[in-house]
Amino acid sequence: MTPSLDRRLKKMDQRLESLLNQLSAYDHTQLNRKPADGGWSALQVMNHLILAEEGSVKYVKKKLSFDPQLEKAGFFSAWRIFLLDFYFKLPFKYKAPPGVGDDALPAESDFKEVSDRWVSSRKALRDYLEGLPPDLFQMSVYKHPFAGRMSLESMVQFFDGHFERHRKQIERVVGEKGD
């Protein structure tokens, strides 16, 4: 794993720990309450983020199981993650792809179970990346559903930007007053 990727993963883990600590102050009802605009509850957003990260890693594992011919990640991989980062900063809502959207999100969840799954998933991500050969980190291994092919480091950068976008959503949702 590259040093920059290691630093990003540590920063992401710290942000996740901070969010989970913040959310532990809320009760089951508050975390499962949907916002007034009809969007996702805090726990649904958390489930969405977990599914996106786990699905991405599952894709990479499957892709690498076939010993594919991979292109070296270059300008276009960097451009794609730049566009995703820009996209995350826009104030618009976007429809989630199948498998990580409304169709895949439970109506109600338990905070501890979701938190434990996310922490475990992040550890599995780190363990997996640490076990990969160094040359793979220069290749376009991951395929984002909208942005296309990019490097593993760009995939993790996507996770980070995706988390930050939805962290704000989670904070907004739990900050709303119930009926």
C-alpha atoms as a PDB file:
ATOM      1  CA  MET A   1       0.000   0.000   0.000  1.00  0.00           C
ATOM      2  CA  THR A   2       1.277   3.484  -0.761  1.00  0.00           C
ATOM      3  CA  PRO A   3       2.060   5.870   2.120  1.00  0.00           C
ATOM      4  CA  SER A   4      -0.512   8.374   0.829  1.00  0.00           C
ATOM      5  CA  LEU A   5      -3.197   5.685   0.770  1.00  0.00           C
ATOM      6  CA  ASP A   6      -2.267   4.611   4.295  1.00  0.00           C
ATOM      7  CA  ARG A   7      -2.620   8.231   5.480  1.00  0.00           C
ATOM      8  CA  ARG A   8      -5.988   8.609   3.754  1.00  0.00           C
ATOM      9  CA  LEU A   9      -7.293   5.389   5.320  1.00  0.00           C
ATOM     10  CA  LYS A  10      -6.178   6.530   8.781  1.00  0.00           C
ATOM     11  CA  LYS A  11      -7.902   9.884   8.264  1.00  0.00           C
ATOM     12  CA  MET A  12     -11.064   8.132   7.068  1.00  0.00           C
ATOM     13  CA  ASP A  13     -11.032   5.832  10.084  1.00  0.00           C
ATOM     14  CA  GLN A  14     -10.713   8.841  12.392  1.00  0.00           C
ATOM     15  CA  ARG A  15     -13.632  10.556  10.658  1.00  0.00           C
ATOM     16  CA  LEU A  16     -15.730   7.400  10.928  1.00  0.00           C
ATOM     17  CA  GLU A  17     -14.913   7.031  14.623  1.00  0.00           C
ATOM     18  CA  SER A  18     -15.827  10.684  15.200  1.00  0.00           C
ATOM     19  CA  LEU A  19     -19.161  10.291  13.389  1.00  0.00           C
ATOM     20  CA  LEU A  20     -20.012   7.114  15.284  1.00  0.00           C
ATOM     21  CA  ASN A  21     -19.179   8.786  18.597  1.00  0.00           C
ATOM     22  CA  GLN A  22     -21.364  11.761  17.634  1.00  0.00           C
ATOM     23  CA  LEU A  23     -24.277   9.518  16.638  1.00  0.00           C
ATOM     24  CA  SER A  24     -24.055   7.378  19.775  1.00  0.00           C
ATOM     25  CA  ALA A  25     -25.748  10.269  21.622  1.00  0.00           C
ATOM     26  CA  TYR A  26     -28.989   9.685  19.654  1.00  0.00           C
ATOM     27  CA  ASP A  27     -31.604   7.056  20.351  1.00  0.00           C
ATOM     28  CA  HIS A  28     -32.972   4.373  18.043  1.00  0.00           C
ATOM     29  CA  THR A  29     -35.982   6.460  16.997  1.00  0.00           C
ATOM     30  CA  GLN A  30     -33.911   9.534  16.136  1.00  0.00           C
ATOM     31  CA  LEU A  31     -31.441   7.532  14.053  1.00  0.00           C
ATOM     32  CA  ASN A  32     -34.226   5.752  12.135  1.00  0.00           C
ATOM     33  CA  ARG A  33     -36.406   8.852  11.591  1.00  0.00           C
ATOM     34  CA  LYS A  34     -36.627   9.983   7.997  1.00  0.00           C
ATOM     35  CA  PRO A  35     -36.275  13.705   7.368  1.00  0.00           C
ATOM     36  CA  ALA A  36     -39.225  15.933   6.584  1.00  0.00           C
ATOM     37  CA  ASP A  37     -38.244  16.010   2.894  1.00  0.00           C
ATOM     38  CA  GLY A  38     -38.767  12.237   2.682  1.00  0.00           C
ATOM     39  CA  GLY A  39     -35.091  11.318   2.259  1.00  0.00           C
ATOM     40  CA  TRP A  40     -33.117   8.674   4.112  1.00  0.00           C
ATOM     41  CA  SER A  41     -32.758   8.318   7.862  1.00  0.00           C
ATOM     42  CA  ALA A  42     -29.270   8.574   9.383  1.00  0.00           C
ATOM     43  CA  LEU A  43     -29.012   4.791   9.562  1.00  0.00           C
ATOM     44  CA  GLN A  44     -30.171   4.411   5.964  1.00  0.00           C
ATOM     45  CA  VAL A  45     -27.413   6.812   4.883  1.00  0.00           C
ATOM     46  CA  MET A  46     -24.904   4.788   6.896  1.00  0.00           C
ATOM     47  CA  ASN A  47     -26.133   1.586   5.249  1.00  0.00           C
ATOM     48  CA  HIS A  48     -25.838   3.244   1.841  1.00  0.00           C
ATOM     49  CA  LEU A  49     -22.213   4.181   2.509  1.00  0.00           C
ATOM     50  CA  ILE A  50     -21.380   0.680   3.730  1.00  0.00           C
ATOM     51  CA  LEU A  51     -22.998  -0.933   0.703  1.00  0.00           C
ATOM     52  CA  ALA A  52     -21.127   1.400  -1.668  1.00  0.00           C
ATOM     53  CA  GLU A  53     -17.770   0.646  -0.062  1.00  0.00           C
ATOM     54  CA  GLU A  54     -18.345  -3.106   0.260  1.00  0.00           C
ATOM     55  CA  GLY A  55     -19.710  -3.340  -3.287  1.00  0.00           C
ATOM     56  CA  SER A  56     -16.692  -1.513  -4.660  1.00  0.00           C
ATOM     57  CA  VAL A  57     -14.262  -3.848  -2.908  1.00  0.00           C
ATOM     58  CA  LYS A  58     -16.291  -6.857  -4.070  1.00  0.00           C
ATOM     59  CA  TYR A  59     -16.016  -5.555  -7.648  1.00  0.00           C
ATOM     60  CA  VAL A  60     -12.223  -5.153  -7.342  1.00  0.00           C
ATOM     61  CA  LYS A  61     -11.826  -8.647  -5.891  1.00  0.00           C
ATOM     62  CA  LYS A  62     -13.885 -10.172  -8.687  1.00  0.00           C
ATOM     63  CA  LYS A  63     -12.032  -8.157 -11.333  1.00  0.00           C
ATOM     64  CA  LEU A  64      -8.641  -9.241 -10.025  1.00  0.00           C
ATOM     65  CA  SER A  65      -9.716 -12.889  -9.763  1.00  0.00           C
ATOM     66  CA  PHE A  66      -9.665 -13.107 -13.560  1.00  0.00           C
ATOM     67  CA  ASP A  67      -6.045 -11.869 -13.858  1.00  0.00           C
ATOM     68  CA  PRO A  68      -7.188  -9.080 -16.200  1.00  0.00           C
ATOM     69  CA  GLN A  69      -5.099  -6.963 -18.508  1.00  0.00           C
ATOM     70  CA  LEU A  70      -5.170  -3.606 -16.745  1.00  0.00           C
ATOM     71  CA  GLU A  71      -4.288  -0.199 -18.068  1.00  0.00           C
ATOM     72  CA  LYS A  72      -2.013   2.058 -16.117  1.00  0.00           C
ATOM     73  CA  ALA A  73      -3.926   4.765 -14.258  1.00  0.00           C
ATOM     74  CA  GLY A  74      -2.974   8.146 -15.582  1.00  0.00           C
ATOM     75  CA  PHE A  75      -4.463  11.503 -16.425  1.00  0.00           C
ATOM     76  CA  PHE A  76      -7.980  10.217 -17.058  1.00  0.00           C
ATOM     77  CA  SER A  77      -8.110   8.328 -13.759  1.00  0.00           C
ATOM     78  CA  ALA A  78      -7.065  11.517 -11.965  1.00  0.00           C
ATOM     79  CA  TRP A  79      -9.580  13.523 -13.990  1.00  0.00           C
ATOM     80  CA  ARG A  80     -12.393  11.130 -13.043  1.00  0.00           C
ATOM     81  CA  ILE A  81     -11.738  11.451  -9.314  1.00  0.00           C
ATOM     82  CA  PHE A  82     -11.466  15.226  -9.716  1.00  0.00           C
ATOM     83  CA  LEU A  83     -14.922  15.234 -11.321  1.00  0.00           C
ATOM     84  CA  LEU A  84     -16.328  13.030  -8.547  1.00  0.00           C
ATOM     85  CA  ASP A  85     -14.894  15.340  -5.888  1.00  0.00           C
ATOM     86  CA  PHE A  86     -16.468  18.306  -7.684  1.00  0.00           C
ATOM     87  CA  TYR A  87     -19.746  16.428  -7.988  1.00  0.00           C
ATOM     88  CA  PHE A  88     -19.771  15.771  -4.229  1.00  0.00           C
ATOM     89  CA  LYS A  89     -19.475  19.471  -3.494  1.00  0.00           C
ATOM     90  CA  LEU A  90     -22.550  20.382  -5.528  1.00  0.00           C
ATOM     91  CA  PRO A  91     -25.743  20.955  -3.511  1.00  0.00           C
ATOM     92  CA  PHE A  92     -27.892  18.738  -5.716  1.00  0.00           C
ATOM     93  CA  LYS A  93     -29.435  15.375  -4.872  1.00  0.00           C
ATOM     94  CA  TYR A  94     -28.532  12.453  -7.104  1.00  0.00           C
ATOM     95  CA  LYS A  95     -30.226   9.101  -7.462  1.00  0.00           C
ATOM     96  CA  ALA A  96     -28.110   6.283  -6.042  1.00  0.00           C
ATOM     97  CA  PRO A  97     -27.312   3.383  -8.370  1.00  0.00           C
ATOM     98  CA  PRO A  98     -29.233   0.104  -7.961  1.00  0.00           C
ATOM     99  CA  GLY A  99     -27.979  -2.015  -5.094  1.00  0.00           C
ATOM    100  CA  VAL A 100     -27.021   0.933  -2.884  1.00  0.00           C
ATOM    101  CA  GLY A 101     -30.214   2.995  -3.016  1.00  0.00           C
ATOM    102  CA  ASP A 102     -33.785   2.749  -1.777  1.00  0.00           C
ATOM    103  CA  ASP A 103     -34.111  -0.824  -3.033  1.00  0.00           C
ATOM    104  CA  ALA A 104     -31.259  -2.020  -0.784  1.00  0.00           C
ATOM    105  CA  LEU A 105     -31.768   0.026   2.373  1.00  0.00           C
ATOM    106  CA  PRO A 106     -33.611  -1.378   5.385  1.00  0.00           C
ATOM    107  CA  ALA A 107     -36.498   0.698   6.709  1.00  0.00           C
ATOM    108  CA  GLU A 108     -35.095   0.331  10.233  1.00  0.00           C
ATOM    109  CA  SER A 109     -31.682  -0.638  11.615  1.00  0.00           C
ATOM    110  CA  ASP A 110     -29.830  -1.002  14.882  1.00  0.00           C
ATOM    111  CA  PHE A 111     -27.063   1.576  15.400  1.00  0.00           C
ATOM    112  CA  LYS A 112     -24.631  -0.816  17.075  1.00  0.00           C
ATOM    113  CA  GLU A 113     -25.028  -3.459  14.370  1.00  0.00           C
ATOM    114  CA  VAL A 114     -24.541  -0.919  11.582  1.00  0.00           C
ATOM    115  CA  SER A 115     -21.574   0.673  13.362  1.00  0.00           C
ATOM    116  CA  ASP A 116     -19.905  -2.685  13.989  1.00  0.00           C
ATOM    117  CA  ARG A 117     -20.408  -3.711  10.370  1.00  0.00           C
ATOM    118  CA  TRP A 118     -18.897  -0.449   9.105  1.00  0.00           C
ATOM    119  CA  VAL A 119     -15.844  -0.653  11.375  1.00  0.00           C
ATOM    120  CA  SER A 120     -15.344  -4.294  10.392  1.00  0.00           C
ATOM    121  CA  SER A 121     -15.764  -3.455   6.706  1.00  0.00           C
ATOM    122  CA  ARG A 122     -13.162  -0.689   6.940  1.00  0.00           C
ATOM    123  CA  LYS A 123     -10.712  -3.062   8.637  1.00  0.00           C
ATOM    124  CA  ALA A 124     -11.309  -5.630   5.900  1.00  0.00           C
ATOM    125  CA  LEU A 125     -10.650  -2.916   3.285  1.00  0.00           C
ATOM    126  CA  ARG A 126      -7.312  -2.052   4.885  1.00  0.00           C
ATOM    127  CA  ASP A 127      -6.341  -5.723   5.234  1.00  0.00           C
ATOM    128  CA  TYR A 128      -7.219  -6.381   1.608  1.00  0.00           C
ATOM    129  CA  LEU A 129      -5.295  -3.394   0.273  1.00  0.00           C
ATOM    130  CA  GLU A 130      -2.259  -4.255   2.398  1.00  0.00           C
ATOM    131  CA  GLY A 131      -2.186  -7.703   0.795  1.00  0.00           C
ATOM    132  CA  LEU A 132      -2.118  -6.470  -2.800  1.00  0.00           C
ATOM    133  CA  PRO A 133       1.080  -6.234  -4.848  1.00  0.00           C
ATOM    134  CA  PRO A 134       2.445  -2.659  -5.069  1.00  0.00           C
ATOM    135  CA  ASP A 135       2.216  -2.514  -8.881  1.00  0.00           C
ATOM    136  CA  LEU A 136      -1.602  -2.817  -8.731  1.00  0.00           C
ATOM    137  CA  PHE A 137      -1.855   0.617  -7.111  1.00  0.00           C
ATOM    138  CA  GLN A 138      -0.719   2.196 -10.389  1.00  0.00           C
ATOM    139  CA  MET A 139      -3.369   0.444 -12.454  1.00  0.00           C
ATOM    140  CA  SER A 140      -6.994   1.279 -13.308  1.00  0.00           C
ATOM    141  CA  VAL A 141      -8.561  -1.546 -11.308  1.00  0.00           C
ATOM    142  CA  TYR A 142     -11.789  -0.004 -10.034  1.00  0.00           C
ATOM    143  CA  LYS A 143     -14.772   0.989 -12.159  1.00  0.00           C
ATOM    144  CA  HIS A 144     -17.039   3.606 -10.589  1.00  0.00           C
ATOM    145  CA  PRO A 145     -20.669   3.290 -11.817  1.00  0.00           C
ATOM    146  CA  PHE A 146     -20.719   6.865 -13.160  1.00  0.00           C
ATOM    147  CA  ALA A 147     -17.111   8.044 -13.444  1.00  0.00           C
ATOM    148  CA  GLY A 148     -15.529   4.944 -14.945  1.00  0.00           C
ATOM    149  CA  ARG A 149     -12.125   3.321 -14.452  1.00  0.00           C
ATOM    150  CA  MET A 150      -9.704   4.560 -11.836  1.00  0.00           C
ATOM    151  CA  SER A 151      -6.918   3.441  -9.525  1.00  0.00           C
ATOM    152  CA  LEU A 152      -7.353   1.848  -6.113  1.00  0.00           C
ATOM    153  CA  GLU A 153      -6.152   5.062  -4.501  1.00  0.00           C
ATOM    154  CA  SER A 154      -8.818   6.966  -6.434  1.00  0.00           C
ATOM    155  CA  MET A 155     -11.404   4.428  -5.269  1.00  0.00           C
ATOM    156  CA  VAL A 156     -10.490   5.153  -1.661  1.00  0.00           C
ATOM    157  CA  GLN A 157     -10.529   8.881  -2.415  1.00  0.00           C
ATOM    158  CA  PHE A 158     -14.058   8.349  -3.744  1.00  0.00           C
ATOM    159  CA  PHE A 159     -14.988   6.629  -0.456  1.00  0.00           C
ATOM    160  CA  ASP A 160     -13.633   9.628   1.442  1.00  0.00           C
ATOM    161  CA  GLY A 161     -15.528  12.215  -0.630  1.00  0.00           C
ATOM    162  CA  HIS A 162     -18.684  10.111  -0.572  1.00  0.00           C
ATOM    163  CA  PHE A 163     -18.453   9.842   3.217  1.00  0.00           C
ATOM    164  CA  GLU A 164     -17.997  13.600   3.639  1.00  0.00           C
ATOM    165  CA  ARG A 165     -20.980  14.380   1.409  1.00  0.00           C
ATOM    166  CA  HIS A 166     -23.235  12.026   3.340  1.00  0.00           C
ATOM    167  CA  ARG A 167     -21.832  12.923   6.773  1.00  0.00           C
ATOM    168  CA  LYS A 168     -23.359  16.369   6.281  1.00  0.00           C
ATOM    169  CA  GLN A 169     -26.655  14.710   5.325  1.00  0.00           C
ATOM    170  CA  ILE A 170     -26.561  12.533   8.456  1.00  0.00           C
ATOM    171  CA  GLU A 171     -25.898  15.544  10.675  1.00  0.00           C
ATOM    172  CA  ARG A 172     -28.747  17.433   9.048  1.00  0.00           C
ATOM    173  CA  VAL A 173     -31.172  14.530   9.466  1.00  0.00           C
ATOM    174  CA  VAL A 174     -30.431  13.900  13.144  1.00  0.00           C
ATOM    175  CA  GLY A 175     -30.533  17.629  13.794  1.00  0.00           C
ATOM    176  CA  GLU A 176     -34.139  17.896  12.572  1.00  0.00           C
ATOM    177  CA  LYS A 177     -36.834  17.956  15.208  1.00  0.00           C
ATOM    178  CA  GLY A 178     -39.319  15.076  15.090  1.00  0.00           C
ATOM    179  CA  ASP A 179     -43.070  15.523  14.710  1.00  0.00           C
END
